[in-house]
Protein backbone atom coordinates (compact mmCIF):
# COMPACT_ATOMS: atom_id res chain seq x y z
CA MET A 1 0.05 -0.14 0.05
CA LYS A 2 3.11 2.85 0.97
CA MET A 3 4.56 1.57 -2.66
CA MET A 4 1.57 2.05 -5.01
CA THR A 5 1.06 5.15 -2.55
CA MET A 6 4.91 6.88 -3.57
CA ILE A 7 4.08 5.67 -6.79
CA ALA A 8 0.68 7.49 -7.76
CA MET A 9 1.88 10.45 -5.71
CA ALA A 10 5.21 10.39 -7.96
CA ALA A 11 2.97 10.97 -11.23
CA LEU A 12 0.30 13.46 -9.54
CA MET A 13 4.19 15.84 -9.73
CA LEU A 14 4.88 13.71 -13.31
CA ALA A 15 1.53 15.18 -14.36
CA GLY A 16 2.00 18.79 -12.72
CA CYS A 17 0.31 18.58 -10.10
CA PRO A 18 2.15 20.13 -6.85
CA LEU A 19 2.87 18.28 -3.86
CA GLN A 20 1.50 21.05 -1.57
CA ILE A 21 -1.92 21.64 -3.34
CA MET A 22 -2.71 17.93 -3.34
CA ALA A 23 -1.21 18.18 -0.01
CA LYS A 24 -3.98 21.28 1.67
CA LYS A 25 -7.39 20.34 2.68
CA THR A 26 -8.83 22.89 4.46
CA ILE A 27 -10.39 26.12 2.26
CA ASP A 28 -8.63 29.49 3.20
CA GLY A 29 -9.36 31.61 5.52
CA GLY A 30 -11.31 34.58 3.57
CA LYS A 31 -13.23 31.50 2.25
CA GLN A 32 -14.07 30.01 6.21
CA LEU A 33 -14.71 34.23 7.06
CA GLU A 34 -17.46 34.15 4.70
CA GLN A 35 -18.66 30.67 5.28
CA ARG A 36 -19.52 32.58 9.38
CA LEU A 37 -20.68 35.47 7.71
CA ARG A 38 -23.30 33.53 6.23
CA LEU A 39 -23.97 30.96 9.12
CA LEU A 40 -23.81 34.16 11.47
CA GLN A 41 -26.20 35.94 9.07
CA PRO A 42 -29.83 34.54 9.50
CA LYS A 43 -29.02 35.08 13.36
CA GLY A 44 -28.90 39.04 12.81
CA TYR A 45 -27.12 41.08 12.13
CA MET A 46 -23.80 42.10 14.36
CA MET A 47 -21.96 45.62 16.02
CA ALA A 48 -19.01 46.41 14.55
CA HIS A 49 -17.16 49.82 16.12
CA GLN A 50 -14.04 51.19 14.42
CA ASP A 51 -11.04 51.80 17.05
CA ASP A 52 -13.07 50.61 19.60
CA PRO A 53 -10.36 49.51 21.98
CA PHE A 54 -8.06 52.33 21.44
CA TYR A 55 -9.92 55.75 22.99
CA GLY A 56 -14.04 56.49 23.52
CA VAL A 57 -15.38 59.54 24.58
CA THR A 58 -13.82 60.16 28.34
CA TRP A 59 -10.34 58.48 27.87
CA GLU A 60 -7.90 57.56 25.37
CA TRP A 61 -4.61 55.32 25.02
CA GLU A 62 -5.59 52.63 28.50
CA GLN A 63 -5.13 48.95 27.93
CA ASN A 64 -8.09 46.83 28.06
CA ARG A 65 -10.57 49.28 27.60
CA SER A 66 -14.02 49.90 25.21
CA ASP A 67 -16.58 52.65 25.71
CA VAL A 68 -19.08 49.36 24.12
CA LEU A 69 -17.89 47.05 27.07
CA GLU A 70 -17.89 49.17 29.85
CA THR A 71 -21.95 50.37 28.40
CA VAL A 72 -23.03 46.32 27.57
CA GLY A 73 -21.02 44.78 29.83
CA ASP A 74 -19.34 42.29 26.02
CA TYR A 75 -17.04 44.20 23.71
CA PRO A 76 -17.85 44.58 19.68
CA ALA A 77 -18.39 41.43 17.77
CA LEU A 78 -16.53 42.83 14.77
CA MET A 79 -14.45 45.65 15.09
CA GLY A 80 -12.39 48.09 12.69
CA PHE A 81 -8.91 49.60 12.31
CA ASP A 82 -7.45 51.92 9.49
CA LEU A 83 -3.71 51.37 7.68
CA GLY A 84 -3.80 55.06 6.61
CA GLY A 85 0.33 56.23 7.52
CA ILE A 86 1.13 52.47 6.70
CA GLU A 87 2.26 52.89 2.96
CA MET A 88 4.75 55.58 4.18
CA ASP A 89 6.09 53.38 6.68
CA ASP A 90 4.92 55.24 9.09
CA LYS A 91 4.76 54.12 13.17
CA LYS A 92 1.30 55.26 13.61
CA ASN A 93 -1.49 55.57 10.82
CA LEU A 94 -3.83 58.96 10.46
CA ASP A 95 -5.41 58.81 14.47
CA SER A 96 -2.05 58.38 16.05
CA VAL A 97 -2.93 54.90 16.71
CA PRO A 98 0.46 52.56 17.06
CA PHE A 99 0.45 50.09 13.71
CA THR A 100 1.56 47.33 17.04
CA ARG A 101 -0.60 48.15 19.18
CA ILE A 102 -2.95 47.49 16.01
CA HIS A 103 -1.58 44.95 14.75
CA ASP A 104 -2.17 43.11 18.92
CA GLU A 105 -5.44 44.10 19.73
CA LEU A 106 -6.36 42.62 16.16
CA ILE A 107 -5.20 39.65 16.69
CA ALA A 108 -6.46 39.70 20.14
CA HIS A 109 -10.48 40.03 19.10
CA TYR A 110 -10.13 37.83 16.73
CA GLU A 111 -8.43 35.43 19.21
CA ARG A 112 -11.21 36.41 21.61
CA GLY A 113 -13.71 35.16 19.35
CA GLY A 114 -14.54 37.98 17.26
CA ILE A 115 -14.42 39.31 13.96
CA VAL A 116 -12.33 42.20 11.74
CA THR A 117 -12.38 44.66 9.49
CA ILE A 118 -9.58 46.88 7.76
CA SER A 119 -9.65 50.02 5.62
CA TRP A 120 -7.35 52.39 4.14
CA HIS A 121 -7.32 56.00 4.21
CA PRO A 122 -3.41 56.06 2.00
CA ARG A 123 -2.14 58.86 1.54
CA ASN A 124 -2.05 61.11 -1.51
CA PRO A 125 1.27 59.99 -3.72
CA LEU A 126 1.10 62.08 -5.97
CA THR A 127 0.12 65.46 -4.31
CA GLY A 128 1.72 64.37 -0.93
CA GLY A 129 -1.04 65.12 0.97
CA THR A 130 -3.87 63.80 2.80
CA ALA A 131 -6.71 61.14 1.92
CA TRP A 132 -8.57 64.00 1.09
CA ASP A 133 -6.49 65.99 -0.77
CA VAL A 134 -8.62 66.03 -4.00
CA THR A 135 -6.57 69.18 -6.10
CA ASP A 136 -5.29 66.72 -8.42
CA TYR A 137 -7.59 64.70 -10.92
CA THR A 138 -4.94 62.56 -12.00
CA VAL A 139 -3.46 61.11 -9.44
CA VAL A 140 -4.97 57.24 -10.35
CA LYS A 141 -4.52 58.45 -13.65
CA ASN A 142 -0.74 58.68 -12.27
CA ILE A 143 0.07 55.51 -9.96
CA LEU A 144 -2.13 52.42 -12.27
CA PRO A 145 1.44 51.23 -14.99
CA GLY A 146 2.62 53.34 -16.56
CA GLY A 147 2.25 56.12 -14.88
CA LYS A 148 4.92 57.81 -13.42
CA CYS A 149 3.89 57.51 -9.59
CA HIS A 150 3.61 54.15 -10.39
CA ALA A 151 6.68 52.50 -8.98
CA LYS A 152 6.14 54.49 -5.18
CA PHE A 153 2.60 53.13 -5.56
CA GLN A 154 4.02 49.43 -5.55
CA THR A 155 6.46 50.05 -2.71
CA TRP A 156 3.11 51.04 -0.78
CA MET A 157 1.31 48.14 -1.83
CA GLN A 158 4.41 46.24 -0.51
CA ARG A 159 3.69 48.06 2.79
CA VAL A 160 0.27 47.13 3.11
CA GLY A 161 1.13 43.86 1.90
CA ASP A 162 3.82 43.22 4.80
CA PHE A 163 0.93 44.39 7.91
CA LEU A 164 -1.25 42.43 6.64
CA VAL A 165 1.13 39.24 5.94
CA SER A 166 2.55 39.69 10.13
CA LEU A 167 -1.51 39.27 10.98
CA LYS A 168 -1.58 35.94 12.68
CA THR A 169 -2.39 34.15 15.38
CA LYS A 170 -0.19 32.06 18.29
CA LYS A 171 -0.15 28.87 16.19
CA GLY A 172 0.14 31.19 13.40
CA GLN A 173 -2.84 30.74 11.32
CA PRO A 174 -3.59 34.40 9.49
CA VAL A 175 -5.97 36.08 10.65
CA PRO A 176 -9.55 35.88 9.01
CA ILE A 177 -10.24 39.83 7.44
CA ILE A 178 -12.95 42.21 6.17
CA PHE A 179 -10.52 44.09 3.79
CA ARG A 180 -12.51 47.33 2.62
CA PRO A 181 -10.07 49.49 0.20
CA TRP A 182 -11.82 52.64 -2.14
CA HIS A 183 -14.28 53.02 -0.14
CA GLU A 184 -17.49 55.68 -0.41
CA ASN A 185 -15.76 56.10 -4.25
CA ASN A 186 -19.36 57.69 -5.56
CA GLY A 187 -18.09 61.12 -3.75
CA SER A 188 -15.34 63.14 -4.60
CA TRP A 189 -13.60 63.79 -1.16
CA PHE A 190 -10.48 61.31 -1.64
CA TRP A 191 -8.35 60.94 -4.46
CA TRP A 192 -9.54 58.10 -6.08
CA GLY A 193 -13.19 59.52 -5.73
CA GLN A 194 -16.10 60.09 -8.80
CA LYS A 195 -14.51 62.85 -9.93
CA LEU A 196 -10.88 62.46 -9.36
CA CYS A 197 -10.94 59.10 -11.61
CA THR A 198 -12.86 57.38 -14.71
CA ASP A 199 -14.10 54.64 -14.11
CA THR A 200 -12.62 52.16 -15.48
CA GLU A 201 -9.23 53.30 -14.12
CA TYR A 202 -11.27 52.99 -10.59
CA ARG A 203 -11.39 48.83 -11.45
CA GLN A 204 -7.94 49.25 -13.06
CA LEU A 205 -7.02 50.65 -9.50
CA TRP A 206 -9.02 48.36 -7.72
CA ASN A 207 -7.77 45.43 -9.78
CA MET A 208 -4.22 46.05 -9.30
CA LEU A 209 -4.19 46.17 -5.09
CA GLN A 210 -6.26 42.85 -5.63
CA ASP A 211 -3.61 41.41 -7.87
CA TYR A 212 -0.81 41.90 -5.62
CA LEU A 213 -2.28 40.95 -2.71
CA ASN A 214 -3.55 37.56 -3.98
CA GLY A 215 -0.45 37.40 -5.16
CA ARG A 216 1.85 37.34 -1.85
CA GLY A 217 -0.95 34.40 -0.91
CA LEU A 218 -3.30 36.15 0.99
CA ASP A 219 -6.21 34.35 0.47
CA ASN A 220 -7.62 35.35 4.13
CA LEU A 221 -9.27 38.49 3.01
CA LEU A 222 -11.98 38.99 2.57
CA TRP A 223 -12.47 41.83 -0.43
CA SER A 224 -16.09 44.47 0.96
CA TYR A 225 -17.04 46.67 -2.17
CA SER A 226 -18.62 50.07 -0.26
CA PRO A 227 -19.61 53.77 -1.79
CA ASN A 228 -21.27 55.57 -0.21
CA LEU A 229 -25.08 56.18 0.49
CA ASP A 230 -26.21 57.66 -2.71
CA GLY A 231 -29.99 57.56 -1.79
CA GLY A 232 -31.16 56.24 -5.64
CA TRP A 233 -29.23 53.63 -7.06
CA THR A 234 -30.29 51.97 -10.27
CA GLU A 235 -27.94 49.17 -12.03
CA GLU A 236 -26.71 50.26 -14.57
CA ARG A 237 -24.27 53.41 -12.17
CA PHE A 238 -23.86 51.32 -9.40
CA LEU A 239 -21.74 48.49 -12.04
CA LEU A 240 -19.98 51.43 -13.57
CA ARG A 241 -17.49 51.17 -10.64
CA TYR A 242 -18.21 47.78 -9.50
CA PRO A 243 -14.87 45.76 -9.62
CA GLY A 244 -17.24 42.57 -10.51
CA ASN A 245 -18.46 39.48 -8.85
CA ASP A 246 -15.89 37.38 -8.93
CA ARG A 247 -14.16 39.88 -6.73
CA VAL A 248 -16.35 41.20 -4.52
CA THR A 249 -18.28 39.03 -1.73
CA LEU A 250 -19.21 41.84 0.64
CA ILE A 251 -20.82 45.29 -0.33
CA GLY A 252 -22.47 48.02 1.75
CA GLU A 253 -22.31 51.42 1.88
CA ASP A 254 -21.34 54.09 4.46
CA ALA A 255 -24.82 56.05 5.72
CA TYR A 256 -24.16 58.87 7.85
CA GLN A 257 -27.15 60.95 9.08
CA TRP A 258 -25.59 64.44 8.09
CA GLY A 259 -29.24 65.95 7.92
CA THR A 260 -32.35 65.35 8.59
CA GLU A 261 -33.56 61.79 10.26
CA ALA A 262 -36.28 61.95 7.81
CA ASP A 263 -33.50 62.20 4.29
CA PHE A 264 -31.58 60.10 5.93
CA VAL A 265 -34.04 56.94 6.66
CA SER A 266 -35.26 57.59 3.46
CA GLN A 267 -32.07 58.08 1.78
CA VAL A 268 -30.48 54.61 3.85
CA THR A 269 -34.00 53.19 2.19
CA ALA A 270 -34.48 53.05 -0.96
CA ASP A 271 -29.99 52.51 -1.18
CA LEU A 272 -30.93 49.67 0.73
CA ASN A 273 -33.81 48.35 -1.13
CA PHE A 274 -31.10 48.19 -4.22
CA LEU A 275 -28.54 46.62 -2.49
CA SER A 276 -30.41 44.07 -0.55
CA ASP A 277 -31.99 42.66 -4.38
CA PHE A 278 -28.01 43.46 -5.67
CA ALA A 279 -26.92 40.50 -2.66
CA LYS A 280 -29.31 38.51 -3.64
CA ARG A 281 -29.64 37.74 -6.64
CA ASN A 282 -25.71 38.28 -7.13
CA GLY A 283 -24.91 35.81 -4.29
CA LYS A 284 -23.08 38.49 -1.73
CA LEU A 285 -22.94 39.77 1.90
CA LEU A 286 -24.31 43.24 2.59
CA ALA A 287 -23.34 45.51 5.64
CA MET A 288 -24.02 48.77 7.11
CA THR A 289 -19.79 49.28 6.17
CA GLU A 290 -20.02 52.35 8.28
CA CYS A 291 -22.74 54.34 9.91
CA GLY A 292 -24.16 56.71 12.78
CA LEU A 293 -25.07 60.00 13.70
CA LYS A 294 -22.20 62.55 15.57
CA ASN A 295 -22.01 63.46 18.79
CA MET A 296 -25.15 61.84 19.03
CA PRO A 297 -28.19 64.47 19.78
CA ASP A 298 -30.89 62.73 20.09
CA ALA A 299 -31.02 60.53 22.59
CA THR A 300 -33.27 57.22 20.94
CA TRP A 301 -31.68 56.98 17.98
CA TRP A 302 -29.99 53.76 18.51
CA THR A 303 -33.60 52.02 18.12
CA ARG A 304 -35.89 54.73 16.71
CA VAL A 305 -34.10 55.81 13.47
CA LEU A 306 -31.24 53.36 12.73
CA LYS A 307 -32.07 49.78 14.21
CA PRO A 308 -36.21 49.95 12.03
CA VAL A 309 -34.95 50.42 8.81
CA MET A 310 -31.71 47.40 9.21
CA ASP A 311 -34.60 45.24 10.87
CA ARG A 312 -36.14 45.31 6.85
CA TYR A 313 -33.00 43.44 5.57
CA PRO A 314 -30.75 40.81 5.68
CA ILE A 315 -27.76 42.96 6.88
CA SER A 316 -24.34 41.26 8.05
CA TYR A 317 -23.08 43.87 10.22
CA PHE A 318 -23.41 47.47 11.01
CA LEU A 319 -20.42 50.04 11.60
CA LEU A 320 -20.52 52.91 13.74
CA TRP A 321 -17.16 55.45 13.69
CA ARG A 322 -14.79 55.66 16.13
CA ASN A 323 -15.24 57.01 19.08
CA TYR A 324 -12.80 60.47 19.85
CA LYS A 325 -13.38 63.09 22.81
CA GLU A 326 -14.50 66.05 19.73
CA GLU A 327 -15.87 63.09 17.43
CA TYR A 328 -18.10 60.08 18.29
CA PHE A 329 -20.94 58.10 17.24
CA GLY A 330 -20.64 54.80 19.88
CA PRO A 331 -21.96 55.09 23.40
CA SER A 332 -20.37 55.73 26.24
CA PRO A 333 -21.31 55.51 29.57
CA SER A 334 -21.24 58.74 30.00
CA LEU A 335 -23.32 59.60 27.42
CA PRO A 336 -27.35 59.62 27.61
CA CYS A 337 -28.08 57.82 24.63
CA ALA A 338 -26.04 54.87 26.82
CA GLN A 339 -29.72 54.16 27.54
CA ASP A 340 -30.95 53.57 24.31
CA PHE A 341 -27.81 51.27 23.12
CA LYS A 342 -28.78 49.34 26.08
CA LYS A 343 -31.80 48.33 24.46
CA LEU A 344 -30.43 48.08 21.49
CA TYR A 345 -27.59 45.60 23.40
CA GLU A 346 -30.45 43.30 24.62
CA ALA A 347 -32.67 42.97 20.83
CA GLU A 348 -32.84 39.46 19.79
CA ASN A 349 -31.24 40.32 16.14
CA THR A 350 -28.07 42.28 17.73
CA LEU A 351 -25.36 40.53 17.97
CA PHE A 352 -22.29 40.94 20.10
CA LEU A 353 -19.54 38.80 21.28
CA LYS A 354 -20.72 36.95 23.21
CA ASP A 355 -23.96 36.35 20.72
CA ILE A 356 -22.09 35.03 18.16
CA LYS A 357 -19.02 32.69 20.35
CA LYS A 358 -22.51 30.61 20.61
CA ILE A 359 -23.12 30.48 17.19
CA LYS A 360 -21.69 27.52 15.23
């Protein structure tokens, strides 16, 4: 029997089938994460928070703290982190969070049973400005192959890849990550936005980064496409920048209430009607990839405004942006909205860390 096995293995190698492919018994981390999200979604939608363990409304840079944890006694199911600044080889990201801390907290949340997502606000490679520097309309064109900044951007992608490769558990397993680059592209406040590059250039930008990271063997990434709140998507217009079903697993949008409550509800409802239908027809997961109401002037906004809208759709998660003393979007024990957030926590269809750890 052993001799027959050796002969069979040798035949496979001679036929061009690498031995390591035959030995691979488990699916990649990105696919495993997708399966987990699909298992969780029928139970409800996960609560997510950006930069949750780094700072809060009344504190910053302390260890073992979380405004969500201190409000309801549980961590968010999902935490968001940002890599803006990694491309410059900075020690801290654009929000002054050390990358070593991001590395450790991200892994810690995964190892306690949570899920993580990463966004990236890269500097402007042409002007040297921030991601919000839109003074030049040729940035994307100049970092694509043949552009004068292409070599620089290759270095930037390498630095992103190096950090992502380092995200491994104590057992050496890559951490599965929802990766969400080039977000809010239908707006024009980032250098990759609607008026800053053509639809073709945007898709080429997406493909260039995705192909590079795939080439690094980062099969633990689940790719998320998230434009901004639109209020009137048509399929024709949505598809203009959509990278394609073969390149995207999760779709969503960033939806903040900047104006009136009525306008927010109307616009989010219109968008989720379209996005949920598109997701269903194309086999994609759906999420509120960012959302919130700045500094929470309405103490009942969680359950009175946001939750009734989300209850109507098969959403995987909703991510509230960061809490900071001057600008916050999540709960805190010190805020009037804390009691309403506890009601959100107690709802059967809102999932926090303890909930998702029970669902296998």
